[in-house]
Amino acid sequence: MISFDSSTLILLAKIDLLKETLQDIEIIITDIVQKECTIKDTYDAKIISALIASNHIKVEKKVSKKEMHLIMKDLNINAGEASALWLAKNRKIPLATDDGPTIKACKVFNIPFLTAIHFLLDIFESGIISDREMALVKVERLATYGRYNHRIIESVISRIKGEKP
């Protein structure tokens, strides 16, 4: 089971990898993350809403608001990220996040974290997506929607192409 914040959930939905991600893991989000991800009438929001409705994504409604607000204040992160971090910390599970400040918070709290890139590489390397060209298209889409350093994108492209580092 992995706690997700809205950044990674939305990115995976935008590049059509959220359903594939669910083949290998259980996703749990807080009700705050749920609201952030489903409030707009967008393609990704509809995918996320459908996966929640079908119980493929679990929603945790009991979040310590007091602890969450302390995390927000101390680490200068938003409510959704703070609630997802709180959930990961409380359940002793990894956090999926593509938010820079939240990644730093994971390092502070010693919480393992994953990004959308990790999921893409895992899905490709496990053969769920075996088409190299399709995987490269997904990387391009992540580069468009995400805030990744150019070197990270180039490294992922090289890895998918099977080039040696």
N, C-alpha and C. Protein backbone atom coordinates (compact mmCIF):
# COMPACT_ATOMS: atom_id res chain seq x y z
N MET A 1 0.84 -1.18 0.00
CA MET A 1 0.00 0.00 0.00
C MET A 1 0.89 1.24 0.00
N ILE A 2 0.50 2.22 -0.80
CA ILE A 2 1.25 3.46 -0.91
C ILE A 2 0.29 4.64 -0.78
N SER A 3 0.67 5.61 0.04
CA SER A 3 -0.08 6.86 0.16
C SER A 3 0.30 7.76 -1.03
N PHE A 4 -0.69 8.36 -1.64
CA PHE A 4 -0.45 9.24 -2.78
C PHE A 4 -0.89 10.66 -2.45
N ASP A 5 -0.12 11.64 -2.90
CA ASP A 5 -0.62 13.01 -2.88
C ASP A 5 -1.19 13.30 -4.26
N SER A 6 -1.76 14.47 -4.41
CA SER A 6 -2.45 14.78 -5.67
C SER A 6 -1.49 14.91 -6.85
N SER A 7 -0.27 15.37 -6.62
CA SER A 7 0.65 15.60 -7.75
C SER A 7 0.90 14.33 -8.55
N THR A 8 1.25 13.26 -7.88
CA THR A 8 1.56 12.01 -8.58
C THR A 8 0.31 11.34 -9.12
N LEU A 9 -0.76 11.39 -8.35
CA LEU A 9 -2.02 10.79 -8.81
C LEU A 9 -2.49 11.44 -10.11
N ILE A 10 -2.45 12.77 -10.15
CA ILE A 10 -2.88 13.51 -11.34
C ILE A 10 -1.94 13.25 -12.52
N LEU A 11 -0.62 13.27 -12.26
CA LEU A 11 0.33 13.00 -13.35
C LEU A 11 0.12 11.63 -13.97
N LEU A 12 -0.05 10.61 -13.14
CA LEU A 12 -0.26 9.25 -13.67
C LEU A 12 -1.58 9.15 -14.43
N ALA A 13 -2.60 9.86 -13.98
CA ALA A 13 -3.88 9.86 -14.70
C ALA A 13 -3.73 10.58 -16.04
N LYS A 14 -3.02 11.71 -16.05
CA LYS A 14 -2.84 12.49 -17.28
C LYS A 14 -2.10 11.71 -18.37
N ILE A 15 -1.16 10.85 -17.96
CA ILE A 15 -0.40 10.10 -18.97
C ILE A 15 -0.94 8.67 -19.13
N ASP A 16 -2.12 8.44 -18.63
CA ASP A 16 -2.80 7.14 -18.77
C ASP A 16 -1.99 5.97 -18.21
N LEU A 17 -1.46 6.15 -17.00
CA LEU A 17 -0.73 5.07 -16.34
C LEU A 17 -1.29 4.71 -14.97
N LEU A 18 -2.35 5.39 -14.56
CA LEU A 18 -2.87 5.15 -13.22
C LEU A 18 -3.45 3.74 -13.09
N LYS A 19 -4.20 3.30 -14.07
CA LYS A 19 -4.77 1.94 -14.03
C LYS A 19 -3.67 0.88 -14.03
N GLU A 20 -2.63 1.09 -14.82
CA GLU A 20 -1.51 0.15 -14.85
C GLU A 20 -0.79 0.12 -13.50
N THR A 21 -0.68 1.27 -12.86
CA THR A 21 -0.04 1.35 -11.55
C THR A 21 -0.80 0.49 -10.54
N LEU A 22 -2.11 0.49 -10.66
CA LEU A 22 -2.95 -0.27 -9.73
C LEU A 22 -2.81 -1.78 -9.90
N GLN A 23 -2.19 -2.24 -10.96
CA GLN A 23 -1.99 -3.68 -11.15
C GLN A 23 -1.01 -4.25 -10.14
N ASP A 24 -0.10 -3.41 -9.67
CA ASP A 24 0.95 -3.89 -8.76
C ASP A 24 0.82 -3.41 -7.32
N ILE A 25 0.07 -2.34 -7.09
CA ILE A 25 0.03 -1.77 -5.74
C ILE A 25 -1.39 -1.36 -5.35
N GLU A 26 -1.57 -1.17 -4.04
CA GLU A 26 -2.80 -0.57 -3.52
C GLU A 26 -2.51 0.90 -3.29
N ILE A 27 -3.44 1.74 -3.72
CA ILE A 27 -3.31 3.18 -3.52
C ILE A 27 -4.30 3.62 -2.45
N ILE A 28 -3.80 4.42 -1.51
CA ILE A 28 -4.66 5.03 -0.51
C ILE A 28 -4.40 6.53 -0.52
N ILE A 29 -5.48 7.30 -0.46
CA ILE A 29 -5.38 8.76 -0.42
C ILE A 29 -6.24 9.27 0.73
N THR A 30 -6.01 10.50 1.12
CA THR A 30 -6.87 11.12 2.12
C THR A 30 -8.05 11.78 1.42
N ASP A 31 -9.08 12.09 2.19
CA ASP A 31 -10.23 12.77 1.61
C ASP A 31 -9.84 14.17 1.10
N ILE A 32 -8.80 14.74 1.67
CA ILE A 32 -8.32 16.05 1.21
C ILE A 32 -7.71 15.92 -0.18
N VAL A 33 -6.90 14.90 -0.38
CA VAL A 33 -6.31 14.63 -1.70
C VAL A 33 -7.42 14.31 -2.70
N GLN A 34 -8.41 13.55 -2.26
CA GLN A 34 -9.54 13.22 -3.13
C GLN A 34 -10.20 14.50 -3.66
N LYS A 35 -10.46 15.45 -2.77
CA LYS A 35 -11.10 16.71 -3.18
C LYS A 35 -10.21 17.47 -4.16
N GLU A 36 -8.91 17.54 -3.87
CA GLU A 36 -7.99 18.25 -4.76
C GLU A 36 -7.97 17.64 -6.17
N CYS A 37 -8.05 16.32 -6.23
CA CYS A 37 -7.92 15.62 -7.52
C CYS A 37 -9.20 15.56 -8.33
N THR A 38 -10.34 15.73 -7.68
CA THR A 38 -11.60 15.51 -8.38
C THR A 38 -12.47 16.76 -8.50
N ILE A 39 -12.00 17.88 -8.03
CA ILE A 39 -12.82 19.10 -8.01
C ILE A 39 -13.06 19.66 -9.42
N LYS A 40 -12.09 19.48 -10.31
CA LYS A 40 -12.23 20.02 -11.67
C LYS A 40 -12.91 19.01 -12.59
N ASP A 41 -13.49 19.52 -13.65
CA ASP A 41 -14.12 18.65 -14.65
C ASP A 41 -13.11 18.38 -15.77
N THR A 42 -12.09 17.58 -15.43
CA THR A 42 -11.02 17.28 -16.39
C THR A 42 -10.91 15.77 -16.58
N TYR A 43 -10.19 15.39 -17.62
CA TYR A 43 -9.98 13.98 -17.94
C TYR A 43 -9.39 13.22 -16.75
N ASP A 44 -8.32 13.79 -16.17
CA ASP A 44 -7.67 13.10 -15.05
C ASP A 44 -8.58 13.01 -13.84
N ALA A 45 -9.36 14.04 -13.57
CA ALA A 45 -10.29 14.02 -12.44
C ALA A 45 -11.35 12.93 -12.62
N LYS A 46 -11.81 12.76 -13.85
CA LYS A 46 -12.81 11.72 -14.12
C LYS A 46 -12.23 10.32 -13.92
N ILE A 47 -11.01 10.10 -14.35
CA ILE A 47 -10.35 8.80 -14.16
C ILE A 47 -10.21 8.51 -12.66
N ILE A 48 -9.71 9.49 -11.93
CA ILE A 48 -9.51 9.32 -10.49
C ILE A 48 -10.84 9.07 -9.78
N SER A 49 -11.86 9.85 -10.13
CA SER A 49 -13.20 9.66 -9.53
C SER A 49 -13.73 8.26 -9.78
N ALA A 50 -13.57 7.77 -11.01
CA ALA A 50 -14.06 6.43 -11.35
C ALA A 50 -13.31 5.35 -10.56
N LEU A 51 -12.02 5.52 -10.38
CA LEU A 51 -11.24 4.53 -9.63
C LEU A 51 -11.57 4.56 -8.14
N ILE A 52 -11.93 5.72 -7.63
CA ILE A 52 -12.38 5.82 -6.24
C ILE A 52 -13.76 5.17 -6.10
N ALA A 53 -14.65 5.48 -7.03
CA ALA A 53 -16.02 4.93 -7.00
C ALA A 53 -16.01 3.40 -7.08
N SER A 54 -15.07 2.85 -7.85
CA SER A 54 -14.99 1.39 -8.00
C SER A 54 -14.13 0.75 -6.90
N ASN A 55 -13.72 1.56 -5.94
CA ASN A 55 -12.94 1.11 -4.78
C ASN A 55 -11.54 0.59 -5.14
N HIS A 56 -11.04 1.00 -6.30
CA HIS A 56 -9.66 0.65 -6.67
C HIS A 56 -8.67 1.57 -5.96
N ILE A 57 -9.12 2.77 -5.64
CA ILE A 57 -8.34 3.70 -4.82
C ILE A 57 -9.11 3.87 -3.52
N LYS A 58 -8.42 3.59 -2.41
CA LYS A 58 -9.04 3.70 -1.08
C LYS A 58 -8.91 5.14 -0.60
N VAL A 59 -9.93 5.59 0.16
CA VAL A 59 -9.91 6.95 0.71
C VAL A 59 -9.97 6.87 2.24
N GLU A 60 -8.98 7.48 2.89
CA GLU A 60 -8.92 7.56 4.34
C GLU A 60 -9.53 8.90 4.77
N LYS A 61 -10.56 8.82 5.59
CA LYS A 61 -11.24 10.04 6.02
C LYS A 61 -10.77 10.55 7.38
N LYS A 62 -10.08 9.71 8.14
CA LYS A 62 -9.63 10.10 9.48
C LYS A 62 -8.19 10.58 9.44
N VAL A 63 -8.04 11.87 9.36
CA VAL A 63 -6.72 12.49 9.35
C VAL A 63 -6.64 13.42 10.54
N SER A 64 -5.53 13.37 11.26
CA SER A 64 -5.35 14.27 12.39
C SER A 64 -5.11 15.69 11.87
N LYS A 65 -6.14 16.51 11.98
CA LYS A 65 -6.03 17.89 11.48
C LYS A 65 -4.93 18.65 12.22
N LYS A 66 -4.82 18.37 13.52
CA LYS A 66 -3.81 19.06 14.33
C LYS A 66 -2.41 18.74 13.81
N GLU A 67 -2.11 17.45 13.64
CA GLU A 67 -0.79 17.06 13.14
C GLU A 67 -0.57 17.54 11.71
N MET A 68 -1.62 17.47 10.91
CA MET A 68 -1.53 17.91 9.53
C MET A 68 -1.18 19.40 9.46
N HIS A 69 -1.82 20.21 10.29
CA HIS A 69 -1.54 21.65 10.30
C HIS A 69 -0.12 21.94 10.78
N LEU A 70 0.37 21.14 11.72
CA LEU A 70 1.77 21.30 12.16
C LEU A 70 2.73 21.00 11.01
N ILE A 71 2.44 19.94 10.27
CA ILE A 71 3.27 19.59 9.11
C ILE A 71 3.25 20.72 8.09
N MET A 72 2.05 21.25 7.82
CA MET A 72 1.92 22.35 6.86
C MET A 72 2.75 23.55 7.30
N LYS A 73 2.62 23.90 8.57
CA LYS A 73 3.31 25.07 9.10
C LYS A 73 4.83 24.87 9.13
N ASP A 74 5.25 23.73 9.67
CA ASP A 74 6.69 23.48 9.84
C ASP A 74 7.42 23.27 8.52
N LEU A 75 6.75 22.64 7.56
CA LEU A 75 7.43 22.27 6.32
C LEU A 75 7.00 23.09 5.12
N ASN A 76 6.06 24.00 5.33
CA ASN A 76 5.59 24.88 4.27
C ASN A 76 5.10 24.10 3.05
N ILE A 77 4.21 23.13 3.30
CA ILE A 77 3.59 22.38 2.21
C ILE A 77 2.07 22.52 2.31
N ASN A 78 1.39 22.24 1.23
CA ASN A 78 -0.06 22.41 1.16
C ASN A 78 -0.81 21.29 1.88
N ALA A 79 -2.12 21.49 2.04
CA ALA A 79 -2.95 20.57 2.81
C ALA A 79 -2.95 19.14 2.26
N GLY A 80 -3.11 18.98 0.96
CA GLY A 80 -3.14 17.64 0.38
C GLY A 80 -1.84 16.90 0.61
N GLU A 81 -0.72 17.58 0.38
CA GLU A 81 0.58 16.97 0.57
C GLU A 81 0.81 16.65 2.05
N ALA A 82 0.40 17.57 2.93
CA ALA A 82 0.56 17.35 4.38
C ALA A 82 -0.26 16.16 4.84
N SER A 83 -1.49 16.04 4.33
CA SER A 83 -2.34 14.91 4.75
C SER A 83 -1.79 13.58 4.23
N ALA A 84 -1.28 13.57 2.99
CA ALA A 84 -0.70 12.35 2.42
C ALA A 84 0.57 11.96 3.17
N LEU A 85 1.37 12.95 3.54
CA LEU A 85 2.58 12.71 4.32
C LEU A 85 2.22 12.16 5.69
N TRP A 86 1.22 12.76 6.33
CA TRP A 86 0.75 12.28 7.63
C TRP A 86 0.31 10.82 7.54
N LEU A 87 -0.44 10.49 6.49
CA LEU A 87 -0.94 9.13 6.30
C LEU A 87 0.22 8.15 6.12
N ALA A 88 1.19 8.51 5.31
CA ALA A 88 2.37 7.65 5.09
C ALA A 88 3.14 7.44 6.39
N LYS A 89 3.32 8.52 7.12
CA LYS A 89 4.06 8.46 8.39
C LYS A 89 3.31 7.59 9.40
N ASN A 90 2.02 7.80 9.53
CA ASN A 90 1.20 7.06 10.50
C ASN A 90 1.11 5.58 10.18
N ARG A 91 0.96 5.26 8.91
CA ARG A 91 0.80 3.85 8.50
C ARG A 91 2.13 3.17 8.20
N LYS A 92 3.21 3.97 8.24
CA LYS A 92 4.55 3.44 7.94
C LYS A 92 4.58 2.82 6.53
N ILE A 93 4.10 3.61 5.58
CA ILE A 93 4.07 3.19 4.18
C ILE A 93 4.76 4.27 3.33
N PRO A 94 5.19 3.93 2.13
CA PRO A 94 5.81 4.95 1.26
C PRO A 94 4.80 6.00 0.81
N LEU A 95 5.33 7.12 0.35
CA LEU A 95 4.52 8.21 -0.18
C LEU A 95 4.88 8.42 -1.65
N ALA A 96 3.86 8.50 -2.48
CA ALA A 96 4.06 8.86 -3.88
C ALA A 96 3.82 10.36 -4.00
N THR A 97 4.87 11.08 -4.39
CA THR A 97 4.77 12.53 -4.53
C THR A 97 5.73 13.03 -5.60
N ASP A 98 5.31 14.04 -6.32
CA ASP A 98 6.17 14.71 -7.28
C ASP A 98 6.37 16.17 -6.88
N ASP A 99 6.03 16.48 -5.64
CA ASP A 99 6.13 17.83 -5.11
C ASP A 99 7.48 17.98 -4.40
N GLY A 100 8.30 18.91 -4.87
CA GLY A 100 9.64 19.11 -4.33
C GLY A 100 9.71 19.27 -2.82
N PRO A 101 8.95 20.22 -2.24
CA PRO A 101 9.00 20.38 -0.78
C PRO A 101 8.55 19.12 -0.02
N THR A 102 7.62 18.38 -0.58
CA THR A 102 7.15 17.15 0.08
C THR A 102 8.22 16.06 0.00
N ILE A 103 8.96 16.02 -1.10
CA ILE A 103 10.07 15.07 -1.20
C ILE A 103 11.11 15.39 -0.12
N LYS A 104 11.40 16.67 0.08
CA LYS A 104 12.33 17.06 1.13
C LYS A 104 11.80 16.65 2.50
N ALA A 105 10.49 16.80 2.72
CA ALA A 105 9.87 16.40 3.99
C ALA A 105 10.01 14.90 4.20
N CYS A 106 9.86 14.12 3.14
CA CYS A 106 10.03 12.66 3.23
C CYS A 106 11.43 12.33 3.71
N LYS A 107 12.41 13.06 3.20
CA LYS A 107 13.79 12.82 3.61
C LYS A 107 13.98 13.16 5.09
N VAL A 108 13.36 14.25 5.54
CA VAL A 108 13.44 14.65 6.94
C VAL A 108 12.84 13.58 7.85
N PHE A 109 11.67 13.05 7.46
CA PHE A 109 10.96 12.06 8.28
C PHE A 109 11.38 10.62 7.98
N ASN A 110 12.33 10.44 7.08
CA ASN A 110 12.77 9.10 6.70
C ASN A 110 11.64 8.25 6.13
N ILE A 111 10.81 8.86 5.32
CA ILE A 111 9.69 8.18 4.67
C ILE A 111 10.10 7.86 3.23
N PRO A 112 10.06 6.59 2.85
CA PRO A 112 10.38 6.26 1.45
C PRO A 112 9.39 6.96 0.52
N PHE A 113 9.88 7.45 -0.62
CA PHE A 113 8.99 8.13 -1.55
C PHE A 113 9.23 7.64 -2.97
N LEU A 114 8.22 7.80 -3.79
CA LEU A 114 8.26 7.44 -5.21
C LEU A 114 7.67 8.59 -6.00
N THR A 115 8.11 8.72 -7.24
CA THR A 115 7.55 9.74 -8.13
C THR A 115 6.87 9.04 -9.30
N ALA A 116 6.20 9.80 -10.12
CA ALA A 116 5.56 9.23 -11.31
C ALA A 116 6.59 8.55 -12.21
N ILE A 117 7.81 9.08 -12.25
CA ILE A 117 8.88 8.47 -13.04
C ILE A 117 9.19 7.06 -12.54
N HIS A 118 9.23 6.89 -11.22
CA HIS A 118 9.47 5.55 -10.66
C HIS A 118 8.41 4.57 -11.15
N PHE A 119 7.15 5.00 -11.13
CA PHE A 119 6.07 4.11 -11.56
C PHE A 119 6.18 3.79 -13.05
N LEU A 120 6.48 4.79 -13.86
CA LEU A 120 6.64 4.57 -15.29
C LEU A 120 7.75 3.55 -15.57
N LEU A 121 8.90 3.73 -14.94
CA LEU A 121 10.01 2.80 -15.15
C LEU A 121 9.65 1.39 -14.68
N ASP A 122 8.99 1.30 -13.53
CA ASP A 122 8.59 -0.01 -13.01
C ASP A 122 7.62 -0.71 -13.95
N ILE A 123 6.65 0.04 -14.46
CA ILE A 123 5.66 -0.52 -15.38
C ILE A 123 6.33 -0.98 -16.68
N PHE A 124 7.29 -0.21 -17.17
CA PHE A 124 8.01 -0.61 -18.38
C PHE A 124 8.90 -1.82 -18.12
N GLU A 125 9.67 -1.76 -17.05
CA GLU A 125 10.63 -2.84 -16.78
C GLU A 125 9.95 -4.14 -16.37
N SER A 126 8.74 -4.07 -15.83
CA SER A 126 8.01 -5.29 -15.47
C SER A 126 7.24 -5.87 -16.66
N GLY A 127 7.22 -5.13 -17.77
CA GLY A 127 6.57 -5.63 -18.98
C GLY A 127 5.09 -5.32 -19.10
N ILE A 128 4.54 -4.57 -18.15
CA ILE A 128 3.12 -4.18 -18.25
C ILE A 128 2.94 -3.33 -19.51
N ILE A 129 3.91 -2.45 -19.76
CA ILE A 129 4.00 -1.76 -21.05
C ILE A 129 5.30 -2.27 -21.67
N SER A 130 5.19 -3.05 -22.72
CA SER A 130 6.40 -3.62 -23.32
C SER A 130 6.86 -2.83 -24.55
N ASP A 131 6.00 -1.96 -25.04
CA ASP A 131 6.33 -1.17 -26.23
C ASP A 131 7.23 0.01 -25.83
N ARG A 132 8.48 -0.06 -26.26
CA ARG A 132 9.47 0.98 -25.93
C ARG A 132 9.01 2.37 -26.40
N GLU A 133 8.44 2.44 -27.61
CA GLU A 133 7.99 3.73 -28.14
C GLU A 133 6.87 4.32 -27.28
N MET A 134 5.96 3.46 -26.83
CA MET A 134 4.87 3.93 -25.97
C MET A 134 5.43 4.46 -24.66
N ALA A 135 6.40 3.77 -24.09
CA ALA A 135 7.03 4.23 -22.85
C ALA A 135 7.71 5.58 -23.06
N LEU A 136 8.35 5.77 -24.20
CA LEU A 136 9.01 7.05 -24.49
C LEU A 136 8.00 8.18 -24.65
N VAL A 137 6.84 7.87 -25.22
CA VAL A 137 5.76 8.87 -25.33
C VAL A 137 5.30 9.27 -23.92
N LYS A 138 5.20 8.29 -23.03
CA LYS A 138 4.78 8.58 -21.64
C LYS A 138 5.81 9.48 -20.96
N VAL A 139 7.09 9.25 -21.23
CA VAL A 139 8.14 10.10 -20.66
C VAL A 139 7.98 11.53 -21.17
N GLU A 140 7.74 11.67 -22.47
CA GLU A 140 7.55 13.01 -23.05
C GLU A 140 6.36 13.71 -22.40
N ARG A 141 5.29 12.97 -22.18
CA ARG A 141 4.11 13.57 -21.55
C ARG A 141 4.41 13.96 -20.10
N LEU A 142 5.18 13.12 -19.39
CA LEU A 142 5.58 13.49 -18.03
C LEU A 142 6.43 14.76 -18.04
N ALA A 143 7.31 14.87 -19.02
CA ALA A 143 8.15 16.07 -19.13
C ALA A 143 7.29 17.30 -19.37
N THR A 144 6.19 17.14 -20.10
CA THR A 144 5.28 18.25 -20.38
C THR A 144 4.49 18.65 -19.14
N TYR A 145 3.92 17.67 -18.44
CA TYR A 145 3.04 17.95 -17.31
C TYR A 145 3.78 18.14 -15.99
N GLY A 146 4.90 17.44 -15.82
CA GLY A 146 5.62 17.48 -14.55
C GLY A 146 6.68 18.55 -14.53
N ARG A 147 7.32 18.67 -13.39
CA ARG A 147 8.39 19.65 -13.22
C ARG A 147 9.70 18.92 -12.96
N TYR A 148 10.16 18.22 -13.98
CA TYR A 148 11.35 17.40 -13.83
C TYR A 148 12.57 18.10 -14.40
N ASN A 149 13.68 17.90 -13.75
CA ASN A 149 14.96 18.37 -14.25
C ASN A 149 15.24 17.67 -15.57
N HIS A 150 15.79 18.40 -16.51
CA HIS A 150 16.10 17.86 -17.84
C HIS A 150 16.98 16.61 -17.76
N ARG A 151 17.93 16.61 -16.82
CA ARG A 151 18.83 15.45 -16.68
C ARG A 151 18.06 14.19 -16.27
N ILE A 152 17.05 14.34 -15.44
CA ILE A 152 16.24 13.19 -15.02
C ILE A 152 15.51 12.61 -16.22
N ILE A 153 14.90 13.47 -17.02
CA ILE A 153 14.17 13.02 -18.22
C ILE A 153 15.12 12.31 -19.18
N GLU A 154 16.29 12.89 -19.41
CA GLU A 154 17.27 12.28 -20.31
C GLU A 154 17.72 10.92 -19.79
N SER A 155 17.91 10.81 -18.49
CA SER A 155 18.32 9.55 -17.87
C SER A 155 17.25 8.47 -18.05
N VAL A 156 15.99 8.85 -17.89
CA VAL A 156 14.88 7.91 -18.05
C VAL A 156 14.78 7.46 -19.51
N ILE A 157 14.93 8.40 -20.43
CA ILE A 157 14.89 8.07 -21.86
C ILE A 157 16.00 7.07 -22.19
N SER A 158 17.20 7.33 -21.70
CA SER A 158 18.33 6.42 -21.95
C SER A 158 18.06 5.03 -21.38
N ARG A 159 17.50 5.00 -20.20
CA ARG A 159 17.20 3.71 -19.55
C ARG A 159 16.16 2.93 -20.35
N ILE A 160 15.13 3.60 -20.81
CA ILE A 160 14.09 2.93 -21.61
C ILE A 160 14.66 2.44 -22.93
N LYS A 161 15.55 3.23 -23.52
CA LYS A 161 16.17 2.83 -24.79
C LYS A 161 17.19 1.71 -24.61
N GLY A 162 17.51 1.40 -23.35
CA GLY A 162 18.46 0.33 -23.08
C GLY A 162 19.90 0.75 -23.18
N GLU A 163 20.14 2.07 -23.16
CA GLU A 163 21.51 2.58 -23.25
C GLU A 163 22.18 2.48 -21.89
N LYS A 164 23.47 2.30 -21.91
CA LYS A 164 24.24 2.21 -20.66
C LYS A 164 24.48 3.62 -20.13
N PRO A 165 24.43 3.78 -18.80
CA PRO A 165 24.63 5.12 -18.21
C PRO A 165 26.03 5.65 -18.39
